[in-house]
Amino acid sequence: MQANTSNQKNERLFKFLMLLIIVGGIGLRLVVYLQNRNLIIDEANIARNIYERGFIDLVKPLSYEQYAPPIFLWLIKLSSIFFGFSEYSLKLYPFISGIITLYLFYLLLKKLLSPQSIWLPLALFASGYFFIRYATELKQYNNDVLVMLSLMLLALRNNILTTSSGKFFFTWAIAGSIAIWFSMPSVFVLAGVGFYYGLQLLQQKELKKLTTLLFGSAIWLIQFLAYYIMILRPQANSSYLQRFHHDYFLYLTPISIKEILFNLSRLEILIGTISGDTVVAVAFLSITIVAGIIRLLRKDLNKAVLILTPLAALMLAAGLKQFSLIPRVSLFGIVLLLILAGYGFDYLLSISGRVVKMIIILPAIYILSATLFNTTIEPFKYEELTEGMQYVIDKKISGNYLSLYHSCGPAFIYYTQIHPDKDKWASLKNADILRYDTPYGTLSWQMHYVWSSKGPFAFIFTNETPKEFAARRAALDQNLREAAFLDKPEVKVLIMRED
């Protein structure tokens, strides 16, 4: 009786702790969503595509060097039809999907780990900077996590050995087809699902059902090939994207120490994304990930195949220069690494005595505390263009005398042509969006010696590196002098007059 009472108390405590973590994660996402930060470059370009295109045209390759899956774009399009083109409306689906992924991650962890260890990966997912950011941003990366978790849960719940062939086929034909057009990395996850089921059938010598699995997999493959040819290939192989992602591809067959270390450094970046790129965090998570892989391969080969195959496919695609390991693009892979870390944490706790358990738990608590601190210490802000625009208006400068650093362009177009409050910025509509290769020294000379009016002239910068800003500032200083300066990490505005 006492044992049963103790178990019931532990179960209630576990449920309360999980509820607390989930509610806390939802609260963090809600706070960041309500901060209503400005759209940044890629978000603004996605918004422009949605604004300019109908549903059918959103299936075609996107403009402005953007990629996003059609069903994701359709959901954003529907939101804009019902609620307009404000930041809140455009980010509504990512926000909702962020809440759903938090719950799905909990359900998946319940199927994979024991109660003693679920709290760590769940809490890191609930409070992690990247997981919160992309649950409140107009990009598809959190959506990729949603699709991955849904497919993995469906695989674990849908037993191929006990389900009729017809039901199994139609379930996965529909689920796989939706996933492919909903999330590009879903093809990596579907590969894991296929091998997961295939291994079970081979182990049980159920060769008849293997035909059903192969036929369903063929349907996935045909659709993915169509998707790749229609949408992905023109973008994945574009010179712009190849240059942009160059440092986040892998060496497919590393043959030197330098190439091996480069590949390992890319993996280190992904691991560091989970809870901050500190020595303690990377070391602890690396150890638990390795321990998790070892435990999976020894104890449950089927689940090892389900989890490790998508990661292996991701690395292969990065080696073939078809998929980038930039953390936001590989967010679904980071979540898989977090699952492996949870496995390893669970394994280390299960084989340890009380003292060793405390030694293992202490760095876990430290990492979680650091993650929460980094997430909550200040608002999520990146490129606050509208703050710079308001500063220019307050200085009574019109768009005829405003020049925008090239990275400001997409957001400036969104706020002056698409946003519901675009009339607020009407006086700035004639601003000049400068090219990347604009000679700022020549521009300042023309403003000083050629323009009939001698200013003041305003220059707005967002998404610039300190080196880039310093170089352009020095060029402007050749012929103009500073009259005012808004200097913030998210936006810089230079007001210049004739020297």
Protein backbone atom coordinates (compact mmCIF):
# COMPACT_ATOMS: atom_id res chain seq x y z
CA MET A 1 0.00 0.00 0.00
CA GLN A 2 2.78 2.41 0.91
CA ALA A 3 4.60 1.57 -2.34
CA ASN A 4 1.45 2.23 -4.37
CA THR A 5 0.85 5.52 -2.56
CA SER A 6 4.46 6.55 -3.20
CA ASN A 7 4.18 5.66 -6.90
CA GLN A 8 0.97 7.65 -7.21
CA LYS A 9 2.62 10.67 -5.58
CA ASN A 10 5.62 10.38 -7.91
CA GLU A 11 3.31 10.11 -10.91
CA ARG A 12 1.36 13.20 -9.85
CA LEU A 13 4.61 15.08 -9.26
CA PHE A 14 5.89 14.04 -12.70
CA LYS A 15 2.68 15.19 -14.41
CA PHE A 16 2.78 18.50 -12.54
CA LEU A 17 6.42 19.08 -13.51
CA MET A 18 5.72 18.30 -17.18
CA LEU A 19 2.68 20.60 -17.15
CA LEU A 20 4.77 23.35 -15.57
CA ILE A 21 7.45 23.02 -18.25
CA ILE A 22 4.91 23.00 -21.10
CA VAL A 23 2.97 25.97 -19.72
CA GLY A 24 6.25 27.82 -19.17
CA GLY A 25 7.31 27.09 -22.76
CA ILE A 26 3.98 28.35 -24.08
CA GLY A 27 4.32 31.47 -21.93
CA LEU A 28 7.78 32.23 -23.27
CA ARG A 29 6.56 31.84 -26.84
CA LEU A 30 3.56 34.06 -26.16
CA VAL A 31 5.72 36.81 -24.63
CA VAL A 32 8.09 36.80 -27.62
CA TYR A 33 5.18 36.71 -30.09
CA LEU A 34 3.60 39.72 -28.38
CA GLN A 35 6.89 41.63 -28.60
CA ASN A 36 5.92 41.95 -32.27
CA ARG A 37 9.45 42.51 -33.55
CA ASN A 38 10.02 43.77 -37.08
CA LEU A 39 10.18 41.41 -40.02
CA ILE A 40 13.76 40.86 -41.14
CA ILE A 41 15.17 40.22 -44.62
CA ASP A 42 13.98 36.68 -45.33
CA GLU A 43 10.68 37.15 -43.51
CA ALA A 44 9.94 40.28 -45.52
CA ASN A 45 10.75 38.47 -48.75
CA ILE A 46 8.43 35.61 -47.81
CA ALA A 47 5.73 38.20 -47.06
CA ARG A 48 6.30 39.79 -50.47
CA ASN A 49 5.84 36.44 -52.22
CA ILE A 50 2.63 35.75 -50.31
CA TYR A 51 1.32 39.25 -51.05
CA GLU A 52 2.12 39.10 -54.77
CA ARG A 53 1.00 35.53 -55.53
CA GLY A 54 -2.13 33.42 -55.47
CA PHE A 55 -2.29 29.89 -54.09
CA ILE A 56 -1.30 28.20 -57.36
CA ASP A 57 1.71 30.45 -57.93
CA LEU A 58 2.95 29.71 -54.42
CA VAL A 59 3.71 26.18 -55.63
CA LYS A 60 6.26 27.58 -58.08
CA PRO A 61 9.83 28.56 -57.11
CA LEU A 62 9.68 31.73 -55.04
CA SER A 63 11.14 35.11 -55.91
CA TYR A 64 13.77 37.06 -53.96
CA GLU A 65 16.03 34.04 -53.28
CA GLN A 66 13.48 32.41 -50.98
CA TYR A 67 12.36 28.86 -50.37
CA ALA A 68 9.38 27.61 -48.38
CA PRO A 69 7.11 24.56 -48.84
CA PRO A 70 3.72 25.14 -50.53
CA ILE A 71 1.38 23.98 -47.74
CA PHE A 72 3.24 26.17 -45.23
CA LEU A 73 2.85 29.14 -47.60
CA TRP A 74 -0.85 28.38 -48.09
CA LEU A 75 -1.45 28.51 -44.34
CA ILE A 76 0.27 31.90 -44.14
CA LYS A 77 -1.73 33.06 -47.17
CA LEU A 78 -4.98 32.03 -45.46
CA SER A 79 -3.97 33.90 -42.31
CA SER A 80 -3.25 37.03 -44.37
CA ILE A 81 -6.63 36.76 -46.11
CA PHE A 82 -8.49 36.57 -42.80
CA PHE A 83 -6.33 38.85 -40.63
CA GLY A 84 -4.32 41.04 -43.00
CA PHE A 85 -0.59 41.46 -43.54
CA SER A 86 0.51 42.60 -40.10
CA GLU A 87 3.41 40.93 -38.32
CA TYR A 88 0.98 39.24 -35.93
CA SER A 89 -1.01 37.73 -38.77
CA LEU A 90 2.00 36.54 -40.74
CA LYS A 91 3.56 34.93 -37.66
CA LEU A 92 0.33 33.41 -36.36
CA TYR A 93 0.82 29.95 -37.85
CA PRO A 94 4.48 29.68 -36.75
CA PHE A 95 3.33 30.65 -33.24
CA ILE A 96 0.54 28.07 -33.19
CA SER A 97 2.85 25.40 -34.60
CA GLY A 98 5.38 26.32 -31.89
CA ILE A 99 2.84 25.46 -29.19
CA ILE A 100 1.86 22.22 -30.95
CA THR A 101 5.48 21.11 -31.35
CA LEU A 102 6.05 21.59 -27.63
CA TYR A 103 3.23 19.17 -26.82
CA LEU A 104 4.21 16.70 -29.56
CA PHE A 105 7.78 16.69 -28.27
CA TYR A 106 6.49 15.77 -24.82
CA LEU A 107 4.40 12.91 -26.26
CA LEU A 108 7.40 11.61 -28.19
CA LEU A 109 9.70 11.78 -25.17
CA LYS A 110 7.12 9.83 -23.14
CA LYS A 111 7.41 7.01 -25.66
CA LEU A 112 11.19 7.04 -25.72
CA LEU A 113 12.47 7.93 -22.24
CA SER A 114 11.76 7.13 -18.61
CA PRO A 115 10.11 9.78 -16.38
CA GLN A 116 13.38 10.46 -14.54
CA SER A 117 14.98 12.07 -17.62
CA ILE A 118 12.19 13.57 -19.75
CA TRP A 119 12.37 16.88 -17.90
CA LEU A 120 15.78 17.86 -19.29
CA PRO A 121 15.20 17.63 -23.08
CA LEU A 122 11.66 18.94 -22.66
CA ALA A 123 12.81 21.93 -20.60
CA LEU A 124 15.65 22.70 -23.04
CA PHE A 125 13.17 22.58 -25.91
CA ALA A 126 10.65 24.73 -24.03
CA SER A 127 13.20 27.43 -23.12
CA GLY A 128 15.80 27.20 -25.89
CA TYR A 129 16.52 30.43 -27.72
CA PHE A 130 16.38 28.97 -31.24
CA PHE A 131 13.23 26.96 -30.56
CA ILE A 132 11.42 30.05 -29.29
CA ARG A 133 12.75 32.32 -32.02
CA TYR A 134 11.53 30.16 -34.89
CA ALA A 135 8.18 29.59 -33.20
CA THR A 136 7.68 33.37 -33.57
CA GLU A 137 9.23 34.06 -36.97
CA LEU A 138 7.88 33.97 -40.51
CA LYS A 139 9.98 31.04 -41.66
CA GLN A 140 9.30 27.33 -42.04
CA TYR A 141 11.90 25.94 -39.66
CA ASN A 142 9.59 25.30 -36.72
CA ASN A 143 7.14 23.81 -39.20
CA ASP A 144 9.86 21.30 -40.15
CA VAL A 145 10.05 20.26 -36.49
CA LEU A 146 6.26 19.91 -36.33
CA VAL A 147 6.19 17.59 -39.34
CA MET A 148 9.15 15.54 -38.08
CA LEU A 149 7.60 14.98 -34.64
CA SER A 150 4.23 14.10 -36.19
CA LEU A 151 5.77 11.49 -38.49
CA MET A 152 7.83 9.92 -35.72
CA LEU A 153 4.86 9.71 -33.37
CA LEU A 154 2.74 8.19 -36.12
CA ALA A 155 5.45 5.61 -36.80
CA LEU A 156 5.68 4.62 -33.14
CA ARG A 157 1.91 4.38 -32.77
CA ASN A 158 1.11 2.64 -36.06
CA ASN A 159 2.36 -0.95 -35.75
CA ILE A 160 2.99 -2.43 -39.19
CA LEU A 161 2.88 -5.99 -37.82
CA THR A 162 -0.64 -5.69 -36.38
CA THR A 163 -2.20 -3.17 -38.78
CA SER A 164 -3.90 -4.42 -41.92
CA SER A 165 -1.96 -3.80 -45.13
CA GLY A 166 -4.72 -1.64 -46.59
CA LYS A 167 -5.05 0.61 -43.56
CA PHE A 168 -1.29 0.89 -43.21
CA PHE A 169 -0.86 1.80 -46.88
CA PHE A 170 -3.54 4.49 -46.96
CA THR A 171 -2.43 5.98 -43.64
CA TRP A 172 1.14 6.43 -44.78
CA ALA A 173 0.34 7.31 -48.38
CA ILE A 174 -1.69 10.27 -47.11
CA ALA A 175 0.63 11.23 -44.24
CA GLY A 176 3.77 10.99 -46.38
CA SER A 177 2.23 12.91 -49.27
CA ILE A 178 1.15 15.79 -47.01
CA ALA A 179 4.52 15.83 -45.28
CA ILE A 180 6.52 16.11 -48.52
CA TRP A 181 4.62 19.22 -49.63
CA PHE A 182 4.58 20.61 -46.09
CA SER A 183 8.26 20.29 -45.18
CA MET A 184 11.28 19.61 -47.37
CA PRO A 185 13.31 17.79 -44.67
CA SER A 186 10.35 15.42 -44.21
CA VAL A 187 11.97 13.25 -46.89
CA PHE A 188 14.81 12.55 -44.44
CA VAL A 189 12.32 11.57 -41.74
CA LEU A 190 10.31 9.41 -44.16
CA ALA A 191 13.52 7.57 -45.02
CA GLY A 192 13.87 6.80 -41.31
CA VAL A 193 10.24 5.66 -41.14
CA GLY A 194 10.71 3.38 -44.15
CA PHE A 195 13.83 1.75 -42.72
CA TYR A 196 12.20 1.50 -39.28
CA TYR A 197 9.28 -0.48 -40.66
CA GLY A 198 11.42 -2.43 -43.11
CA LEU A 199 13.74 -3.65 -40.36
CA GLN A 200 10.79 -4.89 -38.31
CA LEU A 201 9.41 -6.81 -41.27
CA LEU A 202 12.76 -8.42 -42.01
CA GLN A 203 13.20 -9.34 -38.35
CA GLN A 204 9.77 -11.02 -38.29
CA LYS A 205 10.13 -12.37 -41.86
CA GLU A 206 6.87 -10.67 -42.91
CA LEU A 207 7.90 -10.39 -46.54
CA LYS A 208 4.36 -9.95 -47.88
CA LYS A 209 3.89 -6.69 -46.00
CA LEU A 210 7.27 -5.56 -47.26
CA THR A 211 5.66 -5.14 -50.70
CA THR A 212 3.07 -2.77 -49.20
CA LEU A 213 5.85 -0.74 -47.58
CA LEU A 214 7.86 -0.57 -50.80
CA PHE A 215 4.81 0.51 -52.79
CA GLY A 216 4.04 3.27 -50.26
CA SER A 217 7.67 4.36 -50.28
CA ALA A 218 7.57 4.56 -54.07
CA ILE A 219 4.64 6.99 -53.82
CA TRP A 220 6.71 9.17 -51.46
CA LEU A 221 9.73 9.01 -53.75
CA ILE A 222 7.78 9.93 -56.90
CA GLN A 223 6.27 12.97 -55.19
CA PHE A 224 9.58 14.07 -53.76
CA LEU A 225 11.24 13.83 -57.18
CA ALA A 226 8.45 15.96 -58.65
CA TYR A 227 8.85 18.40 -55.77
CA TYR A 228 12.61 18.51 -56.21
CA ILE A 229 12.45 19.09 -59.97
CA MET A 230 9.65 21.67 -59.77
CA ILE A 231 10.76 23.68 -56.76
CA LEU A 232 13.97 22.66 -55.04
CA ARG A 233 16.50 22.09 -57.80
CA PRO A 234 16.42 25.61 -59.30
CA GLN A 235 16.93 27.10 -55.83
CA ALA A 236 19.25 24.59 -54.19
CA ASN A 237 21.74 24.91 -57.04
CA SER A 238 21.51 28.68 -57.49
CA SER A 239 24.88 30.41 -57.31
CA TYR A 240 23.56 32.82 -54.65
CA LEU A 241 22.43 30.09 -52.25
CA GLN A 242 25.52 27.96 -52.90
CA ARG A 243 27.72 30.93 -51.96
CA PHE A 244 25.57 31.86 -48.97
CA HIS A 245 25.59 28.33 -47.50
CA HIS A 246 29.12 27.39 -48.55
CA ASP A 247 30.54 27.38 -45.02
CA TYR A 248 27.72 25.15 -43.78
CA PHE A 249 28.13 22.27 -46.21
CA LEU A 250 30.25 19.25 -45.29
CA TYR A 251 33.12 17.47 -46.97
CA LEU A 252 31.43 14.33 -48.27
CA THR A 253 34.62 12.26 -48.10
CA PRO A 254 37.02 14.13 -45.76
CA ILE A 255 40.59 13.03 -46.50
CA SER A 256 42.61 15.37 -44.32
CA ILE A 257 42.68 16.37 -40.66
CA LYS A 258 41.57 19.85 -41.68
CA GLU A 259 38.48 18.54 -43.47
CA ILE A 260 37.59 16.19 -40.60
CA LEU A 261 37.93 19.02 -38.08
CA PHE A 262 35.81 21.26 -40.30
CA ASN A 263 33.01 18.65 -40.38
CA LEU A 264 33.20 18.21 -36.61
CA SER A 265 33.04 21.99 -36.13
CA ARG A 266 29.75 22.11 -38.07
CA LEU A 267 28.32 19.44 -35.76
CA GLU A 268 29.59 21.38 -32.76
CA ILE A 269 27.65 24.42 -33.95
CA LEU A 270 24.44 22.38 -34.13
CA ILE A 271 24.99 20.96 -30.63
CA GLY A 272 25.83 24.40 -29.25
CA THR A 273 22.57 25.74 -30.62
CA ILE A 274 20.60 23.61 -28.16
CA SER A 275 21.63 25.54 -25.06
CA GLY A 276 24.39 27.99 -25.89
CA ASP A 277 27.86 27.53 -27.29
CA THR A 278 29.70 27.15 -23.97
CA VAL A 279 32.32 24.54 -23.14
CA VAL A 280 30.17 22.98 -20.42
CA ALA A 281 27.05 22.80 -22.60
CA VAL A 282 28.80 21.39 -25.69
CA ALA A 283 30.83 18.89 -23.66
CA PHE A 284 27.84 17.67 -21.62
CA LEU A 285 25.52 17.40 -24.62
CA SER A 286 28.20 15.72 -26.75
CA ILE A 287 28.73 13.09 -24.05
CA THR A 288 25.01 12.44 -23.64
CA ILE A 289 24.47 12.30 -27.41
CA VAL A 290 27.22 9.69 -27.82
CA ALA A 291 25.84 7.75 -24.84
CA GLY A 292 22.37 7.94 -26.36
CA ILE A 293 23.56 6.57 -29.69
CA ILE A 294 25.38 3.70 -27.96
CA ARG A 295 22.32 2.83 -25.87
CA LEU A 296 19.99 2.92 -28.87
CA LEU A 297 22.20 0.71 -31.02
CA ARG A 298 22.57 -1.81 -28.19
CA LYS A 299 19.05 -1.87 -26.79
CA ASP A 300 16.64 -0.88 -29.56
CA LEU A 301 17.97 -1.05 -33.09
CA ASN A 302 14.57 -0.25 -34.61
CA LYS A 303 14.26 3.10 -32.81
CA ALA A 304 17.92 3.78 -33.54
CA VAL A 305 17.12 3.49 -37.24
CA LEU A 306 14.09 5.77 -36.88
CA ILE A 307 16.10 8.51 -35.15
CA LEU A 308 19.55 8.17 -36.73
CA THR A 309 18.52 7.73 -40.39
CA PRO A 310 17.21 11.33 -40.77
CA LEU A 311 20.44 12.64 -39.22
CA ALA A 312 22.55 10.49 -41.55
CA ALA A 313 20.48 11.69 -44.53
CA LEU A 314 20.94 15.29 -43.41
CA MET A 315 24.73 14.86 -43.27
CA LEU A 316 24.74 13.18 -46.67
CA ALA A 317 22.71 16.00 -48.21
CA ALA A 318 25.08 18.55 -46.64
CA GLY A 319 28.01 16.65 -48.14
CA LEU A 320 26.33 16.77 -51.55
CA LYS A 321 25.77 20.53 -51.08
CA GLN A 322 22.00 20.09 -51.29
CA PHE A 323 21.15 21.00 -47.69
CA SER A 324 22.72 23.50 -45.33
CA LEU A 325 23.79 22.91 -41.73
CA ILE A 326 23.05 26.50 -40.79
CA PRO A 327 21.30 25.91 -37.45
CA ARG A 328 17.97 27.45 -38.39
CA VAL A 329 17.76 25.40 -41.60
CA SER A 330 18.70 22.22 -39.71
CA LEU A 331 16.46 22.93 -36.73
CA PHE A 332 14.71 19.56 -37.08
CA GLY A 333 18.12 17.87 -36.89
CA ILE A 334 18.95 19.80 -33.73
CA VAL A 335 15.77 18.45 -32.15
CA LEU A 336 16.86 14.93 -33.11
CA LEU A 337 20.20 15.59 -31.39
CA LEU A 338 18.28 16.76 -28.33
CA ILE A 339 16.34 13.47 -28.34
CA LEU A 340 19.63 11.57 -28.47
CA ALA A 341 20.94 13.68 -25.59
CA GLY A 342 17.81 12.74 -23.64
CA TYR A 343 18.49 9.06 -24.35
CA GLY A 344 22.06 9.44 -23.14
CA PHE A 345 21.00 11.35 -20.04
CA ASP A 346 18.47 8.62 -19.28
CA TYR A 347 21.11 5.94 -19.80
CA LEU A 348 23.70 7.61 -17.55
CA LEU A 349 21.14 8.06 -14.78
CA SER A 350 20.03 4.41 -15.02
CA ILE A 351 23.51 2.97 -14.55
CA SER A 352 24.64 5.34 -11.78
CA GLY A 353 24.43 5.39 -8.00
CA ARG A 354 22.98 8.29 -6.05
CA VAL A 355 26.22 10.28 -5.83
CA VAL A 356 27.06 9.83 -9.52
CA LYS A 357 23.50 10.79 -10.42
CA MET A 358 23.94 14.10 -8.62
CA ILE A 359 27.19 14.70 -10.50
CA ILE A 360 25.34 14.08 -13.77
CA ILE A 361 22.34 16.22 -12.84
CA LEU A 362 24.34 19.26 -11.72
CA PRO A 363 25.68 20.23 -15.19
CA ALA A 364 22.20 19.55 -16.60
CA ILE A 365 20.70 22.07 -14.16
CA TYR A 366 23.48 24.55 -14.91
CA ILE A 367 22.88 24.29 -18.68
CA LEU A 368 19.14 24.67 -18.25
CA SER A 369 19.61 27.72 -16.00
CA ALA A 370 21.95 29.33 -18.54
CA THR A 371 19.46 28.63 -21.31
CA LEU A 372 16.64 30.29 -19.39
CA PHE A 373 18.85 33.28 -18.58
CA ASN A 374 19.87 33.77 -22.22
CA THR A 375 16.26 33.54 -23.35
CA THR A 376 14.72 35.90 -20.83
CA ILE A 377 17.43 38.52 -20.23
CA GLU A 378 16.32 40.84 -23.05
CA PRO A 379 13.71 41.09 -25.83
CA PHE A 380 14.19 39.21 -29.09
CA LYS A 381 15.30 41.94 -31.52
CA TYR A 382 17.29 41.68 -34.74
CA GLU A 383 16.54 44.35 -37.33
CA GLU A 384 14.22 47.09 -36.07
CA LEU A 385 13.92 49.04 -39.31
CA THR A 386 10.76 50.88 -38.26
CA GLU A 387 12.59 52.42 -35.30
CA GLY A 388 15.09 53.89 -37.74
CA MET A 389 12.34 55.06 -40.07
CA GLN A 390 10.56 56.82 -37.23
CA TYR A 391 13.82 58.49 -36.23
CA VAL A 392 14.18 59.85 -39.77
CA ILE A 393 10.60 61.15 -39.76
CA ASP A 394 11.16 62.80 -36.37
CA LYS A 395 14.15 64.59 -37.91
CA LYS A 396 11.79 65.84 -40.65
CA ILE A 397 13.70 64.19 -43.50
CA SER A 398 11.72 62.96 -46.52
CA GLY A 399 12.32 59.87 -48.59
CA ASN A 400 14.04 61.95 -51.28
CA TYR A 401 16.96 62.37 -48.88
CA LEU A 402 16.94 58.88 -47.36
CA SER A 403 19.30 56.10 -48.45
CA LEU A 404 18.96 52.55 -47.19
CA TYR A 405 21.70 49.99 -46.76
CA HIS A 406 20.94 47.11 -49.17
CA SER A 407 19.88 44.70 -46.37
CA CYS A 408 17.09 47.10 -45.38
CA GLY A 409 15.43 46.78 -48.79
CA PRO A 410 13.03 43.84 -48.33
CA ALA A 411 11.73 45.06 -44.97
CA PHE A 412 11.43 48.64 -46.28
CA ILE A 413 9.30 47.41 -49.19
CA TYR A 414 7.12 45.41 -46.80
CA TYR A 415 6.55 48.32 -44.41
CA THR A 416 5.95 50.97 -47.09
CA GLN A 417 3.94 48.90 -49.61
CA ILE A 418 2.34 45.91 -47.84
CA HIS A 419 1.94 46.52 -44.09
CA PRO A 420 -1.53 47.68 -42.91
CA ASP A 421 0.10 50.86 -41.51
CA LYS A 422 2.03 51.63 -44.70
CA ASP A 423 0.51 55.11 -44.86
CA LYS A 424 2.47 55.93 -41.71
CA TRP A 425 5.66 55.70 -43.77
CA ALA A 426 4.30 57.42 -46.90
CA SER A 427 6.77 60.32 -46.61
CA LEU A 428 9.68 57.85 -46.97
CA LYS A 429 8.42 55.86 -49.97
CA ASN A 430 10.83 57.55 -52.40
CA ALA A 431 13.90 56.46 -50.46
CA ASP A 432 16.82 55.00 -52.37
CA ILE A 433 17.62 51.34 -51.63
CA LEU A 434 21.33 51.10 -52.29
CA ARG A 435 23.04 48.15 -53.93
CA TYR A 436 25.62 46.07 -52.09
CA ASP A 437 28.36 47.44 -54.33
CA THR A 438 27.30 51.10 -54.08
CA PRO A 439 30.43 53.30 -53.78
CA TYR A 440 29.52 55.30 -50.67
CA GLY A 441 32.41 57.70 -51.19
CA THR A 442 31.15 58.63 -54.66
CA LEU A 443 27.61 58.93 -53.31
CA SER A 444 28.70 61.34 -50.58
CA TRP A 445 30.66 63.39 -53.15
CA GLN A 446 27.55 63.69 -55.34
CA MET A 447 25.44 64.73 -52.36
CA HIS A 448 27.98 67.40 -51.45
CA TYR A 449 28.80 68.82 -54.88
CA VAL A 450 25.98 67.88 -57.27
CA TRP A 451 22.66 67.73 -55.42
CA SER A 452 20.85 71.07 -55.50
CA SER A 453 19.88 70.68 -51.84
CA LYS A 454 22.63 70.17 -49.30
CA GLY A 455 20.69 67.88 -46.98
CA PRO A 456 20.38 66.79 -44.35
CA PHE A 457 20.74 63.27 -45.71
CA ALA A 458 19.74 60.14 -43.77
CA PHE A 459 21.27 56.67 -44.03
CA ILE A 460 19.67 53.63 -42.36
CA PHE A 461 21.60 50.44 -41.69
CA THR A 462 20.32 47.05 -40.47
CA ASN A 463 21.94 43.62 -40.60
CA GLU A 464 25.36 45.14 -41.17
CA THR A 465 28.55 43.85 -39.57
CA PRO A 466 30.68 46.33 -37.59
CA LYS A 467 33.32 46.10 -40.32
CA GLU A 468 30.82 46.86 -43.08
CA PHE A 469 29.35 49.80 -41.20
CA ALA A 470 32.78 51.24 -40.38
CA ALA A 471 33.85 51.08 -44.04
CA ARG A 472 30.70 52.80 -45.30
CA ARG A 473 30.77 55.35 -42.50
CA ALA A 474 34.36 56.26 -43.39
CA ALA A 475 33.36 56.73 -47.05
CA LEU A 476 30.49 59.04 -46.11
CA ASP A 477 32.74 61.05 -43.80
CA GLN A 478 34.92 61.98 -46.78
CA ASN A 479 32.43 64.60 -47.98
CA LEU A 480 29.74 64.91 -45.30
CA ARG A 481 29.68 65.53 -41.57
CA GLU A 482 27.54 63.89 -38.90
CA ALA A 483 24.54 65.85 -37.68
CA ALA A 484 22.87 63.12 -35.61
CA PHE A 485 23.37 59.41 -35.00
CA LEU A 486 21.02 56.68 -33.77
CA ASP A 487 23.34 53.89 -32.71
CA LYS A 488 21.63 50.65 -31.65
CA PRO A 489 22.50 46.99 -32.28
CA GLU A 490 19.25 46.50 -34.22
CA VAL A 491 19.41 49.67 -36.34
CA LYS A 492 21.74 52.56 -37.06
CA VAL A 493 20.74 55.88 -38.58
CA LEU A 494 23.28 58.45 -39.73
CA ILE A 495 22.07 61.99 -40.36
CA MET A 496 24.69 63.77 -42.50
CA ARG A 497 25.10 67.38 -43.68
CA GLU A 498 27.40 69.17 -46.07
CA ASP A 499 30.98 69.21 -44.80
